[in-house]
Amino acid sequence: MPTDTCYDFPLLKDEVNVIVQDAVRSVLEGNVYDNSKANDWVNMVTNACIEDLKRLCPNFKYIVTCFIRQRKGAGIEIGSGTYWDEKSDVIGSCTVQWENATIATVLYVYGLAI
């Protein structure tokens, strides 16, 4: 539900999750991992996320990071660190994972209200 002004990222988390899942599915669903396309996919997914997030709540600035890898049974650990007070700072984050038979992806989304 788009709104002109909002200052509570946790209230937007469910909608952010849907936006990110939709962006990932629209780009990657039905594809087989192809290293020569992975960089383009990362750009397409992050740009689609940003465009839809801007419409969700325009007074937030968003950061989206996207990691795409081939599923080959190898393990990987990735993480992201932040420093803020969730009770007083107007900021939030969420992590979204998506995969199919050959592609695994993880996205971090940060929202900062202005």
PDB file of N, CA and C in Angstrom:
ATOM      1  N   MET A   1       0.842  -1.159   0.000  1.00  0.00           N
ATOM      2  CA  MET A   1       0.000   0.000   0.000  1.00  0.00           C
ATOM      3  C   MET A   1       0.893   1.229   0.000  1.00  0.00           C
ATOM      4  N   PRO A   2       1.063   1.907  -1.134  1.00  0.00           N
ATOM      5  CA  PRO A   2       1.898   3.100  -1.201  1.00  0.00           C
ATOM      6  C   PRO A   2       1.361   4.207  -0.305  1.00  0.00           C
ATOM      7  N   THR A   3       2.271   4.938   0.289  1.00  0.00           N
ATOM      8  CA  THR A   3       1.903   6.051   1.139  1.00  0.00           C
ATOM      9  C   THR A   3       2.882   7.193   0.904  1.00  0.00           C
ATOM     10  N   ASP A   4       2.440   8.415   1.142  1.00  0.00           N
ATOM     11  CA  ASP A   4       3.297   9.572   0.911  1.00  0.00           C
ATOM     12  C   ASP A   4       4.388   9.703   1.962  1.00  0.00           C
ATOM     13  N   THR A   5       4.042   9.436   3.208  1.00  0.00           N
ATOM     14  CA  THR A   5       4.996   9.597   4.288  1.00  0.00           C
ATOM     15  C   THR A   5       4.846   8.447   5.274  1.00  0.00           C
ATOM     16  N   CYS A   6       5.971   7.876   5.666  1.00  0.00           N
ATOM     17  CA  CYS A   6       5.973   6.849   6.696  1.00  0.00           C
ATOM     18  C   CYS A   6       7.328   6.895   7.386  1.00  0.00           C
ATOM     19  N   TYR A   7       7.344   6.525   8.645  1.00  0.00           N
ATOM     20  CA  TYR A   7       8.577   6.608   9.415  1.00  0.00           C
ATOM     21  C   TYR A   7       8.845   5.340  10.219  1.00  0.00           C
ATOM     22  N   ASP A   8       8.245   4.250   9.826  1.00  0.00           N
ATOM     23  CA  ASP A   8       8.409   3.008  10.574  1.00  0.00           C
ATOM     24  C   ASP A   8       8.666   1.868   9.605  1.00  0.00           C
ATOM     25  N   PHE A   9       9.932   1.595   9.316  1.00  0.00           N
ATOM     26  CA  PHE A   9      10.282   0.552   8.349  1.00  0.00           C
ATOM     27  C   PHE A   9       9.709  -0.809   8.725  1.00  0.00           C
ATOM     28  N   PRO A  10       9.701  -1.197  10.007  1.00  0.00           N
ATOM     29  CA  PRO A  10       9.126  -2.502  10.333  1.00  0.00           C
ATOM     30  C   PRO A  10       7.680  -2.676   9.852  1.00  0.00           C
ATOM     31  N   LEU A  11       6.922  -1.593   9.788  1.00  0.00           N
ATOM     32  CA  LEU A  11       5.551  -1.692   9.275  1.00  0.00           C
ATOM     33  C   LEU A  11       5.521  -1.969   7.778  1.00  0.00           C
ATOM     34  N   LEU A  12       6.615  -1.661   7.088  1.00  0.00           N
ATOM     35  CA  LEU A  12       6.699  -1.871   5.641  1.00  0.00           C
ATOM     36  C   LEU A  12       7.328  -3.211   5.271  1.00  0.00           C
ATOM     37  N   LYS A  13       7.884  -3.926   6.248  1.00  0.00           N
ATOM     38  CA  LYS A  13       8.685  -5.116   5.949  1.00  0.00           C
ATOM     39  C   LYS A  13       7.956  -6.147   5.096  1.00  0.00           C
ATOM     40  N   ASP A  14       6.695  -6.427   5.401  1.00  0.00           N
ATOM     41  CA  ASP A  14       5.961  -7.428   4.615  1.00  0.00           C
ATOM     42  C   ASP A  14       5.842  -6.994   3.160  1.00  0.00           C
ATOM     43  N   GLU A  15       5.538  -5.719   2.951  1.00  0.00           N
ATOM     44  CA  GLU A  15       5.420  -5.212   1.582  1.00  0.00           C
ATOM     45  C   GLU A  15       6.778  -5.180   0.884  1.00  0.00           C
ATOM     46  N   VAL A  16       7.827  -4.848   1.612  1.00  0.00           N
ATOM     47  CA  VAL A  16       9.179  -4.872   1.042  1.00  0.00           C
ATOM     48  C   VAL A  16       9.523  -6.287   0.604  1.00  0.00           C
ATOM     49  N   ASN A  17       9.214  -7.256   1.442  1.00  0.00           N
ATOM     50  CA  ASN A  17       9.481  -8.652   1.110  1.00  0.00           C
ATOM     51  C   ASN A  17       8.769  -9.056  -0.181  1.00  0.00           C
ATOM     52  N   VAL A  18       7.511  -8.684  -0.327  1.00  0.00           N
ATOM     53  CA  VAL A  18       6.748  -9.007  -1.541  1.00  0.00           C
ATOM     54  C   VAL A  18       7.371  -8.337  -2.759  1.00  0.00           C
ATOM     55  N   ILE A  19       7.730  -7.070  -2.635  1.00  0.00           N
ATOM     56  CA  ILE A  19       8.348  -6.337  -3.748  1.00  0.00           C
ATOM     57  C   ILE A  19       9.631  -7.027  -4.197  1.00  0.00           C
ATOM     58  N   VAL A  20      10.470  -7.394  -3.238  1.00  0.00           N
ATOM     59  CA  VAL A  20      11.749  -8.018  -3.573  1.00  0.00           C
ATOM     60  C   VAL A  20      11.534  -9.403  -4.180  1.00  0.00           C
ATOM     61  N   GLN A  21      10.663 -10.202  -3.588  1.00  0.00           N
ATOM     62  CA  GLN A  21      10.377 -11.534  -4.145  1.00  0.00           C
ATOM     63  C   GLN A  21       9.844 -11.420  -5.574  1.00  0.00           C
ATOM     64  N   ASP A  22       8.947 -10.475  -5.810  1.00  0.00           N
ATOM     65  CA  ASP A  22       8.403 -10.281  -7.165  1.00  0.00           C
ATOM     66  C   ASP A  22       9.494  -9.879  -8.149  1.00  0.00           C
ATOM     67  N   ALA A  23      10.386  -8.994  -7.732  1.00  0.00           N
ATOM     68  CA  ALA A  23      11.473  -8.556  -8.615  1.00  0.00           C
ATOM     69  C   ALA A  23      12.393  -9.721  -8.964  1.00  0.00           C
ATOM     70  N   VAL A  24      12.743 -10.509  -7.963  1.00  0.00           N
ATOM     71  CA  VAL A  24      13.623 -11.657  -8.199  1.00  0.00           C
ATOM     72  C   VAL A  24      12.951 -12.659  -9.127  1.00  0.00           C
ATOM     73  N   ARG A  25      11.700 -12.986  -8.836  1.00  0.00           N
ATOM     74  CA  ARG A  25      10.976 -13.948  -9.687  1.00  0.00           C
ATOM     75  C   ARG A  25      10.855 -13.448 -11.118  1.00  0.00           C
ATOM     76  N   SER A  26      10.573 -12.172 -11.289  1.00  0.00           N
ATOM     77  CA  SER A  26      10.379 -11.651 -12.650  1.00  0.00           C
ATOM     78  C   SER A  26      11.653 -11.733 -13.477  1.00  0.00           C
ATOM     79  N   VAL A  27      12.803 -11.672 -12.826  1.00  0.00           N
ATOM     80  CA  VAL A  27      14.078 -11.729 -13.548  1.00  0.00           C
ATOM     81  C   VAL A  27      14.612 -13.152 -13.651  1.00  0.00           C
ATOM     82  N   LEU A  28      14.516 -13.921 -12.577  1.00  0.00           N
ATOM     83  CA  LEU A  28      15.225 -15.204 -12.522  1.00  0.00           C
ATOM     84  C   LEU A  28      14.371 -16.449 -12.745  1.00  0.00           C
ATOM     85  N   GLU A  29      13.081 -16.354 -12.474  1.00  0.00           N
ATOM     86  CA  GLU A  29      12.250 -17.555 -12.587  1.00  0.00           C
ATOM     87  C   GLU A  29      12.322 -18.149 -13.992  1.00  0.00           C
ATOM     88  N   GLY A  30      12.526 -19.448 -14.058  1.00  0.00           N
ATOM     89  CA  GLY A  30      12.600 -20.134 -15.339  1.00  0.00           C
ATOM     90  C   GLY A  30      13.977 -20.132 -15.968  1.00  0.00           C
ATOM     91  N   ASN A  31      14.932 -19.431 -15.363  1.00  0.00           N
ATOM     92  CA  ASN A  31      16.296 -19.387 -15.895  1.00  0.00           C
ATOM     93  C   ASN A  31      17.167 -20.454 -15.254  1.00  0.00           C
ATOM     94  N   VAL A  32      18.177 -20.847 -15.984  1.00  0.00           N
ATOM     95  CA  VAL A  32      19.231 -21.722 -15.492  1.00  0.00           C
ATOM     96  C   VAL A  32      20.452 -20.839 -15.278  1.00  0.00           C
ATOM     97  N   TYR A  33      21.215 -21.107 -14.216  1.00  0.00           N
ATOM     98  CA  TYR A  33      22.361 -20.256 -13.928  1.00  0.00           C
ATOM     99  C   TYR A  33      23.283 -20.165 -15.136  1.00  0.00           C
ATOM    100  N   ASP A  34      23.663 -18.940 -15.451  1.00  0.00           N
ATOM    101  CA  ASP A  34      24.584 -18.666 -16.556  1.00  0.00           C
ATOM    102  C   ASP A  34      25.503 -17.541 -16.086  1.00  0.00           C
ATOM    103  N   ASN A  35      26.760 -17.867 -15.869  1.00  0.00           N
ATOM    104  CA  ASN A  35      27.712 -16.890 -15.353  1.00  0.00           C
ATOM    105  C   ASN A  35      27.789 -15.634 -16.220  1.00  0.00           C
ATOM    106  N   SER A  36      27.625 -15.781 -17.521  1.00  0.00           N
ATOM    107  CA  SER A  36      27.712 -14.620 -18.411  1.00  0.00           C
ATOM    108  C   SER A  36      26.514 -13.684 -18.259  1.00  0.00           C
ATOM    109  N   LYS A  37      25.429 -14.153 -17.627  1.00  0.00           N
ATOM    110  CA  LYS A  37      24.237 -13.320 -17.428  1.00  0.00           C
ATOM    111  C   LYS A  37      24.083 -12.834 -15.989  1.00  0.00           C
ATOM    112  N   ALA A  38      24.864 -13.386 -15.072  1.00  0.00           N
ATOM    113  CA  ALA A  38      24.665 -13.112 -13.647  1.00  0.00           C
ATOM    114  C   ALA A  38      24.776 -11.624 -13.309  1.00  0.00           C
ATOM    115  N   ASN A  39      25.755 -10.922 -13.860  1.00  0.00           N
ATOM    116  CA  ASN A  39      25.905  -9.493 -13.566  1.00  0.00           C
ATOM    117  C   ASN A  39      24.690  -8.699 -14.051  1.00  0.00           C
ATOM    118  N   ASP A  40      24.196  -9.025 -15.237  1.00  0.00           N
ATOM    119  CA  ASP A  40      22.992  -8.355 -15.738  1.00  0.00           C
ATOM    120  C   ASP A  40      21.799  -8.647 -14.841  1.00  0.00           C
ATOM    121  N   TRP A  41      21.669  -9.888 -14.390  1.00  0.00           N
ATOM    122  CA  TRP A  41      20.567 -10.247 -13.499  1.00  0.00           C
ATOM    123  C   TRP A  41      20.629  -9.452 -12.196  1.00  0.00           C
ATOM    124  N   VAL A  42      21.824  -9.315 -11.624  1.00  0.00           N
ATOM    125  CA  VAL A  42      21.982  -8.537 -10.390  1.00  0.00           C
ATOM    126  C   VAL A  42      21.491  -7.110 -10.611  1.00  0.00           C
ATOM    127  N   ASN A  43      21.916  -6.491 -11.700  1.00  0.00           N
ATOM    128  CA  ASN A  43      21.495  -5.117 -11.998  1.00  0.00           C
ATOM    129  C   ASN A  43      19.995  -5.026 -12.235  1.00  0.00           C
ATOM    130  N   MET A  44      19.434  -5.982 -12.956  1.00  0.00           N
ATOM    131  CA  MET A  44      17.994  -5.961 -13.231  1.00  0.00           C
ATOM    132  C   MET A  44      17.186  -6.121 -11.945  1.00  0.00           C
ATOM    133  N   VAL A  45      17.593  -7.045 -11.078  1.00  0.00           N
ATOM    134  CA  VAL A  45      16.875  -7.278  -9.823  1.00  0.00           C
ATOM    135  C   VAL A  45      16.963  -6.051  -8.923  1.00  0.00           C
ATOM    136  N   THR A  46      18.164  -5.512  -8.721  1.00  0.00           N
ATOM    137  CA  THR A  46      18.299  -4.369  -7.820  1.00  0.00           C
ATOM    138  C   THR A  46      17.562  -3.145  -8.357  1.00  0.00           C
ATOM    139  N   ASN A  47      17.630  -2.897  -9.649  1.00  0.00           N
ATOM    140  CA  ASN A  47      16.915  -1.749 -10.226  1.00  0.00           C
ATOM    141  C   ASN A  47      15.406  -1.912 -10.097  1.00  0.00           C
ATOM    142  N   ALA A  48      14.890  -3.119 -10.332  1.00  0.00           N
ATOM    143  CA  ALA A  48      13.448  -3.356 -10.186  1.00  0.00           C
ATOM    144  C   ALA A  48      13.022  -3.146  -8.736  1.00  0.00           C
ATOM    145  N   CYS A  49      13.823  -3.619  -7.800  1.00  0.00           N
ATOM    146  CA  CYS A  49      13.508  -3.419  -6.380  1.00  0.00           C
ATOM    147  C   CYS A  49      13.448  -1.936  -6.039  1.00  0.00           C
ATOM    148  N   ILE A  50      14.461  -1.196  -6.419  1.00  0.00           N
ATOM    149  CA  ILE A  50      14.521   0.233  -6.096  1.00  0.00           C
ATOM    150  C   ILE A  50      13.325   0.976  -6.680  1.00  0.00           C
ATOM    151  N   GLU A  51      12.996   0.711  -7.930  1.00  0.00           N
ATOM    152  CA  GLU A  51      11.870   1.413  -8.563  1.00  0.00           C
ATOM    153  C   GLU A  51      10.567   1.168  -7.811  1.00  0.00           C
ATOM    154  N   ASP A  52      10.302  -0.082  -7.435  1.00  0.00           N
ATOM    155  CA  ASP A  52       9.060  -0.382  -6.721  1.00  0.00           C
ATOM    156  C   ASP A  52       9.100   0.108  -5.276  1.00  0.00           C
ATOM    157  N   LEU A  53      10.256   0.054  -4.638  1.00  0.00           N
ATOM    158  CA  LEU A  53      10.365   0.554  -3.267  1.00  0.00           C
ATOM    159  C   LEU A  53      10.143   2.061  -3.206  1.00  0.00           C
ATOM    160  N   LYS A  54      10.624   2.791  -4.193  1.00  0.00           N
ATOM    161  CA  LYS A  54      10.409   4.249  -4.223  1.00  0.00           C
ATOM    162  C   LYS A  54       8.923   4.573  -4.243  1.00  0.00           C
ATOM    163  N   ARG A  55       8.143   3.760  -4.911  1.00  0.00           N
ATOM    164  CA  ARG A  55       6.696   3.990  -4.960  1.00  0.00           C
ATOM    165  C   ARG A  55       6.018   3.604  -3.646  1.00  0.00           C
ATOM    166  N   LEU A  56       6.602   2.660  -2.920  1.00  0.00           N
ATOM    167  CA  LEU A  56       6.011   2.208  -1.660  1.00  0.00           C
ATOM    168  C   LEU A  56       5.972   3.334  -0.632  1.00  0.00           C
ATOM    169  N   CYS A  57       7.072   4.002  -0.456  1.00  0.00           N
ATOM    170  CA  CYS A  57       7.150   5.096   0.513  1.00  0.00           C
ATOM    171  C   CYS A  57       8.283   6.022   0.095  1.00  0.00           C
ATOM    172  N   PRO A  58       7.955   7.108  -0.612  1.00  0.00           N
ATOM    173  CA  PRO A  58       8.989   7.949  -1.216  1.00  0.00           C
ATOM    174  C   PRO A  58       9.859   8.729  -0.233  1.00  0.00           C
ATOM    175  N   ASN A  59       9.474   8.844   1.038  1.00  0.00           N
ATOM    176  CA  ASN A  59      10.349   9.577   1.952  1.00  0.00           C
ATOM    177  C   ASN A  59      11.456   8.686   2.533  1.00  0.00           C
ATOM    178  N   PHE A  60      11.496   7.428   2.126  1.00  0.00           N
ATOM    179  CA  PHE A  60      12.609   6.549   2.487  1.00  0.00           C
ATOM    180  C   PHE A  60      13.630   6.540   1.367  1.00  0.00           C
ATOM    181  N   LYS A  61      14.890   6.429   1.744  1.00  0.00           N
ATOM    182  CA  LYS A  61      15.969   6.136   0.801  1.00  0.00           C
ATOM    183  C   LYS A  61      16.280   4.662   0.996  1.00  0.00           C
ATOM    184  N   TYR A  62      16.540   3.972  -0.103  1.00  0.00           N
ATOM    185  CA  TYR A  62      16.722   2.527  -0.036  1.00  0.00           C
ATOM    186  C   TYR A  62      18.097   2.112  -0.529  1.00  0.00           C
ATOM    187  N   ILE A  63      18.613   1.066   0.079  1.00  0.00           N
ATOM    188  CA  ILE A  63      19.838   0.413  -0.357  1.00  0.00           C
ATOM    189  C   ILE A  63      19.478  -1.049  -0.578  1.00  0.00           C
ATOM    190  N   VAL A  64      19.782  -1.575  -1.754  1.00  0.00           N
ATOM    191  CA  VAL A  64      19.517  -2.981  -2.056  1.00  0.00           C
ATOM    192  C   VAL A  64      20.818  -3.617  -2.521  1.00  0.00           C
ATOM    193  N   THR A  65      21.215  -4.681  -1.857  1.00  0.00           N
ATOM    194  CA  THR A  65      22.357  -5.456  -2.321  1.00  0.00           C
ATOM    195  C   THR A  65      21.854  -6.834  -2.724  1.00  0.00           C
ATOM    196  N   CYS A  66      22.426  -7.363  -3.782  1.00  0.00           N
ATOM    197  CA  CYS A  66      21.963  -8.630  -4.341  1.00  0.00           C
ATOM    198  C   CYS A  66      23.154  -9.540  -4.601  1.00  0.00           C
ATOM    199  N   PHE A  67      23.035 -10.774  -4.171  1.00  0.00           N
ATOM    200  CA  PHE A  67      24.059 -11.784  -4.384  1.00  0.00           C
ATOM    201  C   PHE A  67      23.413 -12.944  -5.131  1.00  0.00           C
ATOM    202  N   ILE A  68      23.956 -13.307  -6.279  1.00  0.00           N
ATOM    203  CA  ILE A  68      23.456 -14.442  -7.060  1.00  0.00           C
ATOM    204  C   ILE A  68      24.603 -15.427  -7.243  1.00  0.00           C
ATOM    205  N   ARG A  69      24.323 -16.696  -6.999  1.00  0.00           N
ATOM    206  CA  ARG A  69      25.341 -17.720  -7.213  1.00  0.00           C
ATOM    207  C   ARG A  69      24.701 -18.974  -7.797  1.00  0.00           C
ATOM    208  N   GLN A  70      25.547 -19.795  -8.352  1.00  0.00           N
ATOM    209  CA  GLN A  70      25.104 -21.072  -8.883  1.00  0.00           C
ATOM    210  C   GLN A  70      24.949 -22.060  -7.730  1.00  0.00           C
ATOM    211  N   ARG A  71      23.861 -22.828  -7.759  1.00  0.00           N
ATOM    212  CA  ARG A  71      23.658 -23.870  -6.751  1.00  0.00           C
ATOM    213  C   ARG A  71      24.396 -25.122  -7.197  1.00  0.00           C
ATOM    214  N   LYS A  72      25.467 -25.426  -6.513  1.00  0.00           N
ATOM    215  CA  LYS A  72      26.257 -26.618  -6.839  1.00  0.00           C
ATOM    216  C   LYS A  72      26.552 -27.441  -5.593  1.00  0.00           C
ATOM    217  N   GLY A  73      25.864 -27.162  -4.516  1.00  0.00           N
ATOM    218  CA  GLY A  73      26.093 -27.903  -3.293  1.00  0.00           C
ATOM    219  C   GLY A  73      27.166 -27.314  -2.396  1.00  0.00           C
ATOM    220  N   ALA A  74      27.836 -26.291  -2.846  1.00  0.00           N
ATOM    221  CA  ALA A  74      28.864 -25.648  -2.027  1.00  0.00           C
ATOM    222  C   ALA A  74      28.203 -24.706  -1.028  1.00  0.00           C
ATOM    223  N   GLY A  75      28.746 -24.665   0.147  1.00  0.00           N
ATOM    224  CA  GLY A  75      28.223 -23.760   1.156  1.00  0.00           C
ATOM    225  C   GLY A  75      28.790 -22.362   0.987  1.00  0.00           C
ATOM    226  N   ILE A  76      28.075 -21.408   1.515  1.00  0.00           N
ATOM    227  CA  ILE A  76      28.557 -20.032   1.506  1.00  0.00           C
ATOM    228  C   ILE A  76      27.922 -19.308   2.683  1.00  0.00           C
ATOM    229  N   GLU A  77      28.686 -18.459   3.287  1.00  0.00           N
ATOM    230  CA  GLU A  77      28.189 -17.634   4.381  1.00  0.00           C
ATOM    231  C   GLU A  77      28.351 -16.182   3.968  1.00  0.00           C
ATOM    232  N   ILE A  78      27.279 -15.423   4.044  1.00  0.00           N
ATOM    233  CA  ILE A  78      27.354 -13.991   3.767  1.00  0.00           C
ATOM    234  C   ILE A  78      26.632 -13.260   4.888  1.00  0.00           C
ATOM    235  N   GLY A  79      26.992 -12.047   5.094  1.00  0.00           N
ATOM    236  CA  GLY A  79      26.361 -11.295   6.156  1.00  0.00           C
ATOM    237  C   GLY A  79      26.469  -9.807   5.907  1.00  0.00           C
ATOM    238  N   SER A  80      25.787  -9.081   6.747  1.00  0.00           N
ATOM    239  CA  SER A  80      25.790  -7.633   6.647  1.00  0.00           C
ATOM    240  C   SER A  80      25.665  -7.088   8.057  1.00  0.00           C
ATOM    241  N   GLY A  81      26.417  -6.072   8.359  1.00  0.00           N
ATOM    242  CA  GLY A  81      26.351  -5.482   9.683  1.00  0.00           C
ATOM    243  C   GLY A  81      25.887  -4.039   9.616  1.00  0.00           C
ATOM    244  N   THR A  82      25.180  -3.629  10.630  1.00  0.00           N
ATOM    245  CA  THR A  82      24.706  -2.250  10.711  1.00  0.00           C
ATOM    246  C   THR A  82      24.812  -1.781  12.161  1.00  0.00           C
ATOM    247  N   TYR A  83      24.751  -0.486  12.334  1.00  0.00           N
ATOM    248  CA  TYR A  83      24.761   0.087  13.670  1.00  0.00           C
ATOM    249  C   TYR A  83      23.693   1.168  13.722  1.00  0.00           C
ATOM    250  N   TRP A  84      22.642   0.897  14.468  1.00  0.00           N
ATOM    251  CA  TRP A  84      21.604   1.885  14.703  1.00  0.00           C
ATOM    252  C   TRP A  84      20.736   1.425  15.861  1.00  0.00           C
ATOM    253  N   ASP A  85      19.904   2.320  16.327  1.00  0.00           N
ATOM    254  CA  ASP A  85      18.965   2.026  17.402  1.00  0.00           C
ATOM    255  C   ASP A  85      17.590   1.854  16.777  1.00  0.00           C
ATOM    256  N   GLU A  86      17.110   0.622  16.752  1.00  0.00           N
ATOM    257  CA  GLU A  86      15.826   0.347  16.104  1.00  0.00           C
ATOM    258  C   GLU A  86      14.662   1.057  16.783  1.00  0.00           C
ATOM    259  N   LYS A  87      14.830   1.478  18.037  1.00  0.00           N
ATOM    260  CA  LYS A  87      13.747   2.153  18.744  1.00  0.00           C
ATOM    261  C   LYS A  87      13.669   3.636  18.431  1.00  0.00           C
ATOM    262  N   SER A  88      14.809   4.254  18.098  1.00  0.00           N
ATOM    263  CA  SER A  88      14.783   5.703  17.889  1.00  0.00           C
ATOM    264  C   SER A  88      15.194   6.140  16.489  1.00  0.00           C
ATOM    265  N   ASP A  89      16.001   5.352  15.796  1.00  0.00           N
ATOM    266  CA  ASP A  89      16.413   5.725  14.442  1.00  0.00           C
ATOM    267  C   ASP A  89      15.332   5.314  13.448  1.00  0.00           C
ATOM    268  N   VAL A  90      15.170   6.110  12.426  1.00  0.00           N
ATOM    269  CA  VAL A  90      14.138   5.847  11.418  1.00  0.00           C
ATOM    270  C   VAL A  90      14.789   5.070  10.279  1.00  0.00           C
ATOM    271  N   ILE A  91      15.042   3.796  10.571  1.00  0.00           N
ATOM    272  CA  ILE A  91      15.774   2.955   9.638  1.00  0.00           C
ATOM    273  C   ILE A  91      15.356   1.507   9.878  1.00  0.00           C
ATOM    274  N   GLY A  92      15.552   0.673   8.899  1.00  0.00           N
ATOM    275  CA  GLY A  92      15.249  -0.743   9.066  1.00  0.00           C
ATOM    276  C   GLY A  92      15.865  -1.554   7.950  1.00  0.00           C
ATOM    277  N   SER A  93      15.802  -2.858   8.096  1.00  0.00           N
ATOM    278  CA  SER A  93      16.371  -3.732   7.075  1.00  0.00           C
ATOM    279  C   SER A  93      15.615  -5.045   7.037  1.00  0.00           C
ATOM    280  N   CYS A  94      15.776  -5.742   5.937  1.00  0.00           N
ATOM    281  CA  CYS A  94      15.264  -7.100   5.840  1.00  0.00           C
ATOM    282  C   CYS A  94      16.127  -7.882   4.858  1.00  0.00           C
ATOM    283  N   THR A  95      16.097  -9.184   5.004  1.00  0.00           N
ATOM    284  CA  THR A  95      16.856 -10.088   4.156  1.00  0.00           C
ATOM    285  C   THR A  95      15.871 -10.993   3.438  1.00  0.00           C
ATOM    286  N   VAL A  96      16.075 -11.170   2.140  1.00  0.00           N
ATOM    287  CA  VAL A  96      15.192 -12.010   1.331  1.00  0.00           C
ATOM    288  C   VAL A  96      16.044 -13.034   0.597  1.00  0.00           C
ATOM    289  N   GLN A  97      15.621 -14.296   0.667  1.00  0.00           N
ATOM    290  CA  GLN A  97      16.305 -15.362  -0.060  1.00  0.00           C
ATOM    291  C   GLN A  97      15.356 -15.960  -1.088  1.00  0.00           C
ATOM    292  N   TRP A  98      15.920 -16.381  -2.215  1.00  0.00           N
ATOM    293  CA  TRP A  98      15.135 -17.020  -3.274  1.00  0.00           C
ATOM    294  C   TRP A  98      16.044 -18.010  -3.982  1.00  0.00           C
ATOM    295  N   GLU A  99      15.478 -19.126  -4.423  1.00  0.00           N
ATOM    296  CA  GLU A  99      16.275 -20.074  -5.186  1.00  0.00           C
ATOM    297  C   GLU A  99      15.401 -20.925  -6.085  1.00  0.00           C
ATOM    298  N   ASN A 100      16.041 -21.440  -7.122  1.00  0.00           N
ATOM    299  CA  ASN A 100      15.429 -22.464  -7.951  1.00  0.00           C
ATOM    300  C   ASN A 100      16.433 -23.612  -8.037  1.00  0.00           C
ATOM    301  N   ALA A 101      16.300 -24.485  -9.007  1.00  0.00           N
ATOM    302  CA  ALA A 101      17.167 -25.665  -9.076  1.00  0.00           C
ATOM    303  C   ALA A 101      18.638 -25.324  -9.304  1.00  0.00           C
ATOM    304  N   THR A 102      18.937 -24.198  -9.965  1.00  0.00           N
ATOM    305  CA  THR A 102      20.330 -23.883 -10.311  1.00  0.00           C
ATOM    306  C   THR A 102      20.819 -22.534  -9.805  1.00  0.00           C
ATOM    307  N   ILE A 103      19.930 -21.714  -9.252  1.00  0.00           N
ATOM    308  CA  ILE A 103      20.284 -20.354  -8.820  1.00  0.00           C
ATOM    309  C   ILE A 103      19.891 -20.161  -7.360  1.00  0.00           C
ATOM    310  N   ALA A 104      20.784 -19.552  -6.598  1.00  0.00           N
ATOM    311  CA  ALA A 104      20.476 -19.126  -5.232  1.00  0.00           C
ATOM    312  C   ALA A 104      20.784 -17.640  -5.139  1.00  0.00           C
ATOM    313  N   THR A 105      19.902 -16.902  -4.504  1.00  0.00           N
ATOM    314  CA  THR A 105      20.120 -15.463  -4.370  1.00  0.00           C
ATOM    315  C   THR A 105      19.731 -14.989  -2.974  1.00  0.00           C
ATOM    316  N   VAL A 106      20.457 -13.992  -2.503  1.00  0.00           N
ATOM    317  CA  VAL A 106      20.174 -13.349  -1.224  1.00  0.00           C
ATOM    318  C   VAL A 106      20.198 -11.850  -1.460  1.00  0.00           C
ATOM    319  N   LEU A 107      19.195 -11.165  -0.941  1.00  0.00           N
ATOM    320  CA  LEU A 107      19.141  -9.711  -1.047  1.00  0.00           C
ATOM    321  C   LEU A 107      19.003  -9.104   0.340  1.00  0.00           C
ATOM    322  N   TYR A 108      19.728  -8.023   0.563  1.00  0.00           N
ATOM    323  CA  TYR A 108      19.580  -7.208   1.759  1.00  0.00           C
ATOM    324  C   TYR A 108      18.951  -5.891   1.330  1.00  0.00           C
ATOM    325  N   VAL A 109      17.923  -5.472   2.064  1.00  0.00           N
ATOM    326  CA  VAL A 109      17.262  -4.198   1.783  1.00  0.00           C
ATOM    327  C   VAL A 109      17.320  -3.350   3.051  1.00  0.00           C
ATOM    328  N   TYR A 110      17.794  -2.131   2.894  1.00  0.00           N
ATOM    329  CA  TYR A 110      17.844  -1.169   3.987  1.00  0.00           C
ATOM    330  C   TYR A 110      16.972   0.014   3.611  1.00  0.00           C
ATOM    331  N   GLY A 111      16.194   0.491   4.568  1.00  0.00           N
ATOM    332  CA  GLY A 111      15.379   1.671   4.356  1.00  0.00           C
ATOM    333  C   GLY A 111      15.713   2.724   5.397  1.00  0.00           C
ATOM    334  N   LEU A 112      15.966   3.951   4.939  1.00  0.00           N
ATOM    335  CA  LEU A 112      16.321   5.062   5.819  1.00  0.00           C
ATOM    336  C   LEU A 112      15.352   6.202   5.558  1.00  0.00           C
ATOM    337  N   ALA A 113      14.581   6.584   6.551  1.00  0.00           N
ATOM    338  CA  ALA A 113      13.611   7.662   6.371  1.00  0.00           C
ATOM    339  C   ALA A 113      14.308   9.012   6.412  1.00  0.00           C
ATOM    340  N   ILE A 114      13.803   9.937   5.579  1.00  0.00           N
ATOM    341  CA  ILE A 114      14.333  11.298   5.583  1.00  0.00           C
ATOM    342  C   ILE A 114      13.230  12.268   5.949  1.00  0.00           C
TER     343      ILE A 114
END
